[in-house]
N, C-alpha and C. Protein backbone atom coordinates (compact mmCIF):
# COMPACT_ATOMS: atom_id res chain seq x y z
N MET A 1 -12.51 -34.52 -8.45
CA MET A 1 -11.65 -33.80 -7.70
C MET A 1 -12.39 -32.10 -7.72
N SER A 2 -12.76 -31.66 -6.50
CA SER A 2 -13.11 -30.29 -6.59
C SER A 2 -12.18 -29.41 -6.29
N THR A 3 -12.57 -27.98 -6.49
CA THR A 3 -11.58 -26.94 -6.47
C THR A 3 -11.72 -26.17 -4.90
N PHE A 4 -10.73 -25.93 -4.52
CA PHE A 4 -10.59 -25.36 -3.27
C PHE A 4 -11.13 -23.82 -3.18
N MET A 5 -11.85 -23.42 -2.51
CA MET A 5 -12.23 -21.81 -2.28
C MET A 5 -12.13 -21.38 -1.01
N ALA A 6 -11.17 -20.48 -0.69
CA ALA A 6 -11.08 -19.86 0.68
C ALA A 6 -12.27 -19.30 0.95
N ASN A 7 -12.59 -19.22 2.30
CA ASN A 7 -13.40 -18.17 2.92
C ASN A 7 -12.93 -17.48 4.23
N GLN A 8 -13.79 -16.89 4.74
CA GLN A 8 -13.30 -16.06 6.03
C GLN A 8 -12.90 -16.84 6.82
N GLU A 9 -13.30 -18.16 7.29
CA GLU A 9 -13.15 -19.06 8.53
C GLU A 9 -11.87 -19.61 8.34
N THR A 10 -11.25 -19.87 6.93
CA THR A 10 -10.20 -20.50 7.14
C THR A 10 -8.75 -19.77 6.80
N ILE A 11 -9.02 -18.30 6.70
CA ILE A 11 -7.87 -17.61 6.75
C ILE A 11 -7.30 -17.16 7.87
N GLU A 12 -6.03 -17.30 7.94
CA GLU A 12 -5.07 -16.75 9.19
C GLU A 12 -4.30 -15.79 8.47
N ARG A 13 -4.29 -14.45 9.00
CA ARG A 13 -3.47 -13.50 8.61
C ARG A 13 -2.39 -13.34 9.49
N LYS A 14 -1.33 -12.95 8.72
CA LYS A 14 -0.21 -12.75 9.02
C LYS A 14 0.37 -11.17 9.06
N TRP A 15 1.38 -10.71 9.66
CA TRP A 15 1.81 -9.21 9.61
C TRP A 15 3.27 -9.00 8.58
N TYR A 16 3.43 -8.41 7.73
CA TYR A 16 4.43 -8.27 7.09
C TYR A 16 5.03 -6.89 7.20
N VAL A 17 6.50 -6.64 7.20
CA VAL A 17 7.21 -5.29 7.19
C VAL A 17 7.92 -5.08 5.80
N ILE A 18 7.59 -4.38 5.29
CA ILE A 18 8.23 -3.75 4.06
C ILE A 18 8.80 -2.47 4.13
N ASP A 19 10.38 -2.63 4.01
CA ASP A 19 11.06 -1.42 4.24
C ASP A 19 11.33 -0.83 2.73
N ALA A 20 10.89 0.55 2.52
CA ALA A 20 11.06 1.19 1.49
C ALA A 20 12.13 2.15 1.17
N ALA A 21 13.20 2.15 2.05
CA ALA A 21 14.60 2.86 2.01
C ALA A 21 15.16 2.66 0.86
N GLY A 22 15.27 3.33 0.10
CA GLY A 22 15.95 3.23 -1.34
C GLY A 22 15.42 2.85 -2.50
N LYS A 23 14.21 2.05 -2.28
CA LYS A 23 13.54 1.33 -3.21
C LYS A 23 12.62 2.27 -4.14
N PRO A 24 12.32 1.97 -5.30
CA PRO A 24 11.43 2.87 -6.18
C PRO A 24 9.90 2.70 -5.50
N LEU A 25 9.16 3.84 -5.36
CA LEU A 25 8.01 4.03 -4.55
C LEU A 25 7.19 2.85 -5.11
N GLY A 26 7.01 2.74 -6.60
CA GLY A 26 6.05 1.88 -7.18
C GLY A 26 6.38 0.55 -7.12
N ARG A 27 7.75 0.20 -7.02
CA ARG A 27 8.05 -1.27 -6.94
C ARG A 27 7.48 -1.55 -5.37
N THR A 28 7.80 -0.83 -4.35
CA THR A 28 7.25 -1.15 -2.86
C THR A 28 5.64 -1.29 -2.92
N ALA A 29 4.91 -0.25 -3.60
CA ALA A 29 3.64 -0.42 -3.78
C ALA A 29 3.18 -1.68 -4.33
N VAL A 30 3.69 -1.93 -5.36
CA VAL A 30 3.37 -3.21 -5.87
C VAL A 30 3.24 -4.56 -5.10
N ARG A 31 4.17 -4.41 -4.39
CA ARG A 31 4.63 -5.65 -3.46
C ARG A 31 3.62 -5.37 -2.32
N ALA A 32 3.38 -4.43 -1.82
CA ALA A 32 2.44 -4.27 -0.78
C ALA A 32 0.86 -4.66 -1.23
N ALA A 33 0.85 -4.20 -2.26
CA ALA A 33 -0.75 -4.56 -2.79
C ALA A 33 -0.98 -5.91 -3.04
N GLU A 34 -0.01 -6.62 -3.70
CA GLU A 34 0.03 -8.09 -3.86
C GLU A 34 -0.30 -8.84 -2.43
N ILE A 35 0.41 -8.48 -1.38
CA ILE A 35 0.04 -8.97 -0.22
C ILE A 35 -0.94 -8.57 0.46
N LEU A 36 -1.65 -7.44 0.20
CA LEU A 36 -2.68 -7.03 0.98
C LEU A 36 -3.93 -7.58 0.06
N ARG A 37 -3.84 -7.89 -0.81
CA ARG A 37 -4.84 -8.72 -1.77
C ARG A 37 -4.83 -10.18 -1.73
N GLY A 38 -3.65 -10.64 -1.32
CA GLY A 38 -3.45 -12.11 -0.82
C GLY A 38 -3.15 -13.05 -1.84
N LYS A 39 -2.60 -12.42 -3.03
CA LYS A 39 -2.29 -12.78 -4.33
C LYS A 39 -1.12 -14.03 -4.34
N HIS A 40 -0.19 -13.61 -3.07
CA HIS A 40 0.91 -14.38 -2.90
C HIS A 40 0.93 -15.94 -2.32
N ARG A 41 -0.47 -16.03 -1.96
CA ARG A 41 -0.58 -17.49 -1.25
C ARG A 41 -1.15 -18.26 -2.40
N PRO A 42 -1.12 -19.73 -1.94
CA PRO A 42 -1.82 -20.64 -3.07
C PRO A 42 -3.21 -20.75 -2.95
N GLU A 43 -3.79 -20.35 -1.82
CA GLU A 43 -5.16 -20.58 -1.58
C GLU A 43 -5.89 -19.29 -2.23
N PHE A 44 -5.27 -18.43 -2.80
CA PHE A 44 -5.99 -16.86 -3.21
C PHE A 44 -7.32 -17.51 -3.85
N THR A 45 -8.17 -17.03 -3.54
CA THR A 45 -9.85 -16.73 -4.26
C THR A 45 -9.97 -15.20 -4.60
N PRO A 46 -10.18 -14.92 -5.60
CA PRO A 46 -10.51 -13.57 -6.18
C PRO A 46 -11.87 -12.94 -5.44
N HIS A 47 -12.83 -13.80 -5.16
CA HIS A 47 -13.81 -12.80 -4.52
C HIS A 47 -13.96 -12.93 -3.09
N VAL A 48 -12.92 -13.42 -2.36
CA VAL A 48 -12.85 -13.53 -0.86
C VAL A 48 -11.53 -12.78 -0.53
N ASP A 49 -11.77 -11.99 0.43
CA ASP A 49 -10.61 -11.36 1.20
C ASP A 49 -9.63 -11.84 1.96
N CYS A 50 -8.61 -12.49 1.40
CA CYS A 50 -7.61 -13.32 1.64
C CYS A 50 -6.24 -12.81 1.85
N GLY A 51 -6.20 -11.36 2.08
CA GLY A 51 -5.04 -10.78 2.01
C GLY A 51 -4.51 -10.67 3.63
N GLU A 52 -3.33 -10.19 3.68
CA GLU A 52 -2.54 -10.03 4.94
C GLU A 52 -2.49 -8.68 5.48
N PHE A 53 -1.84 -8.32 6.77
CA PHE A 53 -1.47 -6.93 7.17
C PHE A 53 -0.14 -6.52 6.46
N VAL A 54 0.10 -5.37 6.29
CA VAL A 54 1.20 -4.88 5.93
C VAL A 54 1.43 -3.39 6.43
N ILE A 55 2.96 -3.51 6.85
CA ILE A 55 3.54 -1.94 7.55
C ILE A 55 4.50 -2.05 6.55
N ILE A 56 4.60 -0.46 6.06
CA ILE A 56 5.69 0.09 5.15
C ILE A 56 6.38 0.98 6.05
N ILE A 57 7.66 0.72 6.18
CA ILE A 57 8.51 1.72 6.92
C ILE A 57 9.37 2.64 6.04
N ASN A 58 10.00 3.67 6.70
CA ASN A 58 10.77 4.29 5.97
C ASN A 58 10.24 5.14 4.42
N ALA A 59 9.15 5.22 4.56
CA ALA A 59 8.22 5.88 3.07
C ALA A 59 9.17 7.09 2.71
N ASP A 60 9.53 7.84 3.78
CA ASP A 60 10.34 9.27 3.56
C ASP A 60 11.71 8.78 2.75
N LYS A 61 11.95 8.01 2.68
CA LYS A 61 13.52 7.31 1.93
C LYS A 61 13.14 6.68 0.73
N ALA A 62 11.72 6.41 0.18
CA ALA A 62 11.63 5.99 -0.91
C ALA A 62 11.80 6.80 -2.20
N ILE A 63 12.25 6.36 -3.12
CA ILE A 63 12.76 7.42 -4.34
C ILE A 63 11.71 7.07 -5.60
N LEU A 64 11.83 7.99 -6.40
CA LEU A 64 11.11 8.25 -7.50
C LEU A 64 12.11 8.15 -8.70
N THR A 65 11.88 7.30 -9.77
CA THR A 65 12.87 7.28 -10.82
C THR A 65 12.58 8.48 -11.69
N GLY A 66 13.81 8.70 -12.66
CA GLY A 66 13.29 9.67 -14.08
C GLY A 66 13.06 10.90 -13.29
N ASN A 67 12.30 11.57 -13.90
CA ASN A 67 12.35 13.11 -13.53
C ASN A 67 10.62 13.32 -12.75
N LYS A 68 10.21 11.99 -12.29
CA LYS A 68 8.65 12.14 -11.70
C LYS A 68 9.06 13.07 -10.40
N LEU A 69 9.75 13.31 -9.71
CA LEU A 69 9.96 14.17 -8.71
C LEU A 69 9.16 15.27 -8.90
N ASN A 70 9.84 15.98 -10.06
CA ASN A 70 9.25 17.30 -10.30
C ASN A 70 8.35 17.34 -11.49
N ALA A 71 8.10 16.35 -12.21
CA ALA A 71 7.23 16.47 -13.25
C ALA A 71 5.60 15.81 -12.82
N LYS A 72 5.63 14.83 -11.52
CA LYS A 72 4.32 14.48 -11.16
C LYS A 72 3.79 15.18 -10.40
N PHE A 73 2.39 15.09 -10.47
CA PHE A 73 1.75 15.86 -9.38
C PHE A 73 0.67 15.02 -8.73
N TYR A 74 0.13 15.29 -7.61
CA TYR A 74 -1.11 14.74 -6.83
C TYR A 74 -2.17 15.92 -7.12
N ARG A 75 -3.27 15.56 -7.73
CA ARG A 75 -4.43 16.35 -8.01
C ARG A 75 -5.56 15.85 -7.39
N HIS A 76 -6.12 16.72 -6.80
CA HIS A 76 -7.62 16.38 -6.60
C HIS A 76 -8.63 17.41 -6.52
N HIS A 77 -9.83 17.33 -6.72
CA HIS A 77 -10.80 18.38 -6.86
C HIS A 77 -11.89 18.47 -6.12
N SER A 78 -12.50 19.58 -5.54
CA SER A 78 -13.30 19.49 -4.52
C SER A 78 -14.69 19.42 -5.20
N GLY A 79 -15.02 19.43 -6.46
CA GLY A 79 -16.17 19.46 -6.91
C GLY A 79 -16.87 20.85 -7.56
N TYR A 80 -16.36 21.90 -6.84
CA TYR A 80 -16.73 23.40 -7.24
C TYR A 80 -15.69 23.87 -8.38
N ILE A 81 -16.40 25.05 -8.95
CA ILE A 81 -15.65 25.76 -10.18
C ILE A 81 -14.30 26.27 -9.36
N GLY A 82 -13.03 25.71 -10.09
CA GLY A 82 -12.09 26.29 -9.90
C GLY A 82 -11.46 25.59 -8.40
N GLY A 83 -12.15 24.30 -8.42
CA GLY A 83 -11.47 23.58 -6.84
C GLY A 83 -10.31 22.59 -7.27
N LEU A 84 -9.84 22.62 -8.28
CA LEU A 84 -8.58 22.06 -8.41
C LEU A 84 -7.35 22.05 -7.77
N LYS A 85 -6.88 21.10 -6.98
CA LYS A 85 -5.84 21.34 -6.07
C LYS A 85 -4.80 20.41 -6.70
N GLU A 86 -3.52 21.00 -6.71
CA GLU A 86 -2.35 19.94 -7.12
C GLU A 86 -1.18 20.37 -6.50
N GLU A 87 -0.38 19.23 -6.05
CA GLU A 87 0.71 19.51 -5.32
C GLU A 87 1.93 18.49 -6.13
N SER A 88 3.04 18.92 -6.39
CA SER A 88 4.11 18.40 -6.91
C SER A 88 4.45 17.09 -5.93
N TYR A 89 5.01 16.31 -6.60
CA TYR A 89 5.47 14.98 -5.53
C TYR A 89 6.77 15.32 -5.04
N LYS A 90 7.38 16.48 -5.43
CA LYS A 90 8.58 17.00 -4.57
C LYS A 90 8.20 17.40 -3.49
N HIS A 91 7.07 18.15 -3.21
CA HIS A 91 6.42 18.94 -2.05
C HIS A 91 5.87 17.82 -1.24
N LEU A 92 5.28 16.74 -1.90
CA LEU A 92 4.32 15.48 -1.32
C LEU A 92 5.43 14.78 -0.49
N MET A 93 6.38 14.38 -1.07
CA MET A 93 7.35 13.39 -0.49
C MET A 93 8.14 14.36 0.67
N ALA A 94 8.23 15.35 0.72
CA ALA A 94 8.93 16.37 1.55
C ALA A 94 8.27 16.41 2.87
N THR A 95 6.84 16.71 2.77
CA THR A 95 5.90 16.84 3.73
C THR A 95 4.74 15.68 4.14
N ARG A 96 4.60 14.88 3.09
CA ARG A 96 3.69 13.93 3.57
C ARG A 96 3.94 12.64 2.62
N PRO A 97 4.99 11.91 3.05
CA PRO A 97 5.44 10.95 2.34
C PRO A 97 4.58 9.38 2.52
N GLU A 98 4.11 9.61 3.70
CA GLU A 98 2.93 8.50 3.85
C GLU A 98 1.56 8.43 3.04
N LEU A 99 1.19 9.70 2.61
CA LEU A 99 -0.10 9.90 1.64
C LEU A 99 0.54 9.49 0.08
N ALA A 100 1.97 9.71 -0.13
CA ALA A 100 2.23 9.33 -1.53
C ALA A 100 2.35 7.74 -1.51
N MET A 101 2.70 7.22 -0.56
CA MET A 101 2.70 5.59 -0.62
C MET A 101 1.47 5.23 -0.52
N GLU A 102 0.32 5.61 0.25
CA GLU A 102 -1.15 5.07 0.39
C GLU A 102 -1.33 5.25 -1.04
N LEU A 103 -1.37 6.45 -1.82
CA LEU A 103 -2.08 6.80 -2.81
C LEU A 103 -1.73 5.76 -4.16
N ALA A 104 -0.31 5.35 -3.89
CA ALA A 104 0.14 4.20 -4.98
C ALA A 104 -0.36 3.11 -4.62
N VAL A 105 -0.46 2.47 -3.56
CA VAL A 105 -0.82 1.50 -3.14
C VAL A 105 -2.36 1.14 -3.45
N LYS A 106 -3.15 2.42 -2.90
CA LYS A 106 -4.62 2.30 -3.42
C LYS A 106 -5.21 1.97 -4.69
N GLY A 107 -4.22 2.78 -5.59
CA GLY A 107 -4.50 2.85 -7.00
C GLY A 107 -4.27 1.36 -7.44
N MET A 108 -3.47 0.40 -6.89
CA MET A 108 -3.10 -0.73 -7.15
C MET A 108 -4.30 -1.89 -6.93
N LEU A 109 -5.14 -1.45 -6.03
CA LEU A 109 -6.09 -2.50 -5.21
C LEU A 109 -7.52 -2.29 -5.90
N PRO A 110 -8.38 -3.30 -6.07
CA PRO A 110 -9.55 -3.11 -6.69
C PRO A 110 -10.58 -2.11 -6.03
N HIS A 111 -11.00 -1.38 -7.03
CA HIS A 111 -12.03 -0.04 -6.48
C HIS A 111 -13.29 -0.61 -6.37
N ASN A 112 -13.47 -1.38 -4.90
CA ASN A 112 -14.81 -1.84 -4.85
C ASN A 112 -14.76 -2.11 -3.26
N THR A 113 -15.57 -2.56 -2.46
CA THR A 113 -15.71 -3.04 -1.04
C THR A 113 -14.27 -3.89 -0.72
N LEU A 114 -14.17 -4.80 -1.42
CA LEU A 114 -12.88 -5.66 -1.20
C LEU A 114 -11.53 -5.13 -1.08
N GLY A 115 -11.50 -3.85 -2.01
CA GLY A 115 -10.16 -3.11 -2.30
C GLY A 115 -10.43 -2.39 -0.95
N ALA A 116 -11.71 -1.83 -0.46
CA ALA A 116 -11.40 -0.96 0.73
C ALA A 116 -11.06 -1.69 1.83
N LYS A 117 -11.59 -2.88 2.16
CA LYS A 117 -11.29 -3.74 3.31
C LYS A 117 -9.62 -4.13 3.22
N SER A 118 -9.09 -4.47 2.24
CA SER A 118 -7.97 -4.48 2.07
C SER A 118 -6.93 -3.42 2.47
N PHE A 119 -7.23 -2.13 1.90
CA PHE A 119 -6.66 -0.99 2.19
C PHE A 119 -6.57 -0.47 3.86
N GLY A 120 -7.58 -1.00 4.16
CA GLY A 120 -7.54 -0.86 5.98
C GLY A 120 -6.65 -1.71 6.67
N ARG A 121 -6.02 -2.64 6.03
CA ARG A 121 -4.90 -3.33 6.63
C ARG A 121 -3.47 -2.87 6.26
N LEU A 122 -3.14 -1.61 5.58
CA LEU A 122 -2.15 -1.13 5.26
C LEU A 122 -1.78 -0.11 6.46
N HIS A 123 -0.40 0.03 6.78
CA HIS A 123 -0.02 1.04 7.71
C HIS A 123 1.38 1.55 7.06
N VAL A 124 1.26 2.58 6.92
CA VAL A 124 2.65 3.37 6.43
C VAL A 124 3.23 4.32 7.42
N TYR A 125 4.58 4.05 7.52
CA TYR A 125 5.42 5.36 8.51
C TYR A 125 6.38 5.71 7.65
N ALA A 126 6.53 7.26 8.13
CA ALA A 126 7.69 7.83 7.44
C ALA A 126 9.00 7.45 7.93
N GLY A 127 9.19 7.15 9.11
CA GLY A 127 10.40 6.59 9.88
C GLY A 127 10.48 5.15 9.83
N SER A 128 11.54 4.79 10.56
CA SER A 128 11.67 3.26 10.74
C SER A 128 10.93 2.55 12.02
N ALA A 129 10.41 3.36 12.69
CA ALA A 129 9.71 3.15 13.88
C ALA A 129 8.24 2.89 13.51
N HIS A 130 7.70 1.56 13.94
CA HIS A 130 6.05 1.44 14.18
C HIS A 130 5.80 0.98 15.45
N LYS A 131 4.54 0.77 15.38
CA LYS A 131 3.86 0.38 17.01
C LYS A 131 3.11 -0.84 16.67
N HIS A 132 3.84 -1.98 15.70
CA HIS A 132 3.08 -3.08 15.73
C HIS A 132 4.05 -4.41 15.89
N GLN A 133 4.94 -3.99 17.00
CA GLN A 133 5.88 -5.26 17.32
C GLN A 133 5.05 -6.33 17.98
N ALA A 134 4.20 -6.20 18.60
CA ALA A 134 3.33 -7.29 19.27
C ALA A 134 2.75 -8.18 18.25
N GLN A 135 2.41 -7.81 17.19
CA GLN A 135 1.80 -8.67 16.05
C GLN A 135 3.09 -9.75 15.60
N LYS A 136 4.28 -9.43 15.99
CA LYS A 136 5.58 -10.11 15.39
C LYS A 136 5.54 -10.20 13.91
N PRO A 137 5.67 -8.88 13.34
CA PRO A 137 5.59 -9.09 11.94
C PRO A 137 6.69 -9.58 11.02
N ILE A 138 6.65 -10.43 10.01
CA ILE A 138 7.89 -10.75 9.32
C ILE A 138 8.30 -9.88 8.09
N VAL A 139 9.70 -9.44 8.37
CA VAL A 139 10.36 -8.83 7.69
C VAL A 139 10.37 -9.19 6.08
N LEU A 140 10.06 -8.61 5.12
CA LEU A 140 10.43 -8.67 4.08
C LEU A 140 11.48 -8.14 3.03
N ASP A 141 12.29 -8.66 1.93
CA ASP A 141 13.39 -7.83 1.46
C ASP A 141 12.75 -7.11 0.36
């Protein structure tokens, strides 16, 4: 008996919609990362890109539990002396909630070319409207 290995030709990708309204940001990101990677499929193969497309809507209504809204910061550095920029998640969720969700999902994907391809299939929207109705996405709870 041989082991089945998925390849690019055998993968059929579906589209999924995840509603983040009222759900913790991290829990939504975990579900999205799992689908982007393809770990929910029975034919999952770690070295093959067998994930699906994910649309996250209502990213602005996602919640952060505990004191994370005030205590957590998004930090990035330009590479120059004194180039550290930091922004609180309270400000980030008010101005760019899509970025907060994308950062959470990106951190849960592999940090290689496979993860970069998977991240390219993620679409995040602050509101409840998205422009992918033609793909007939499946709504997840």
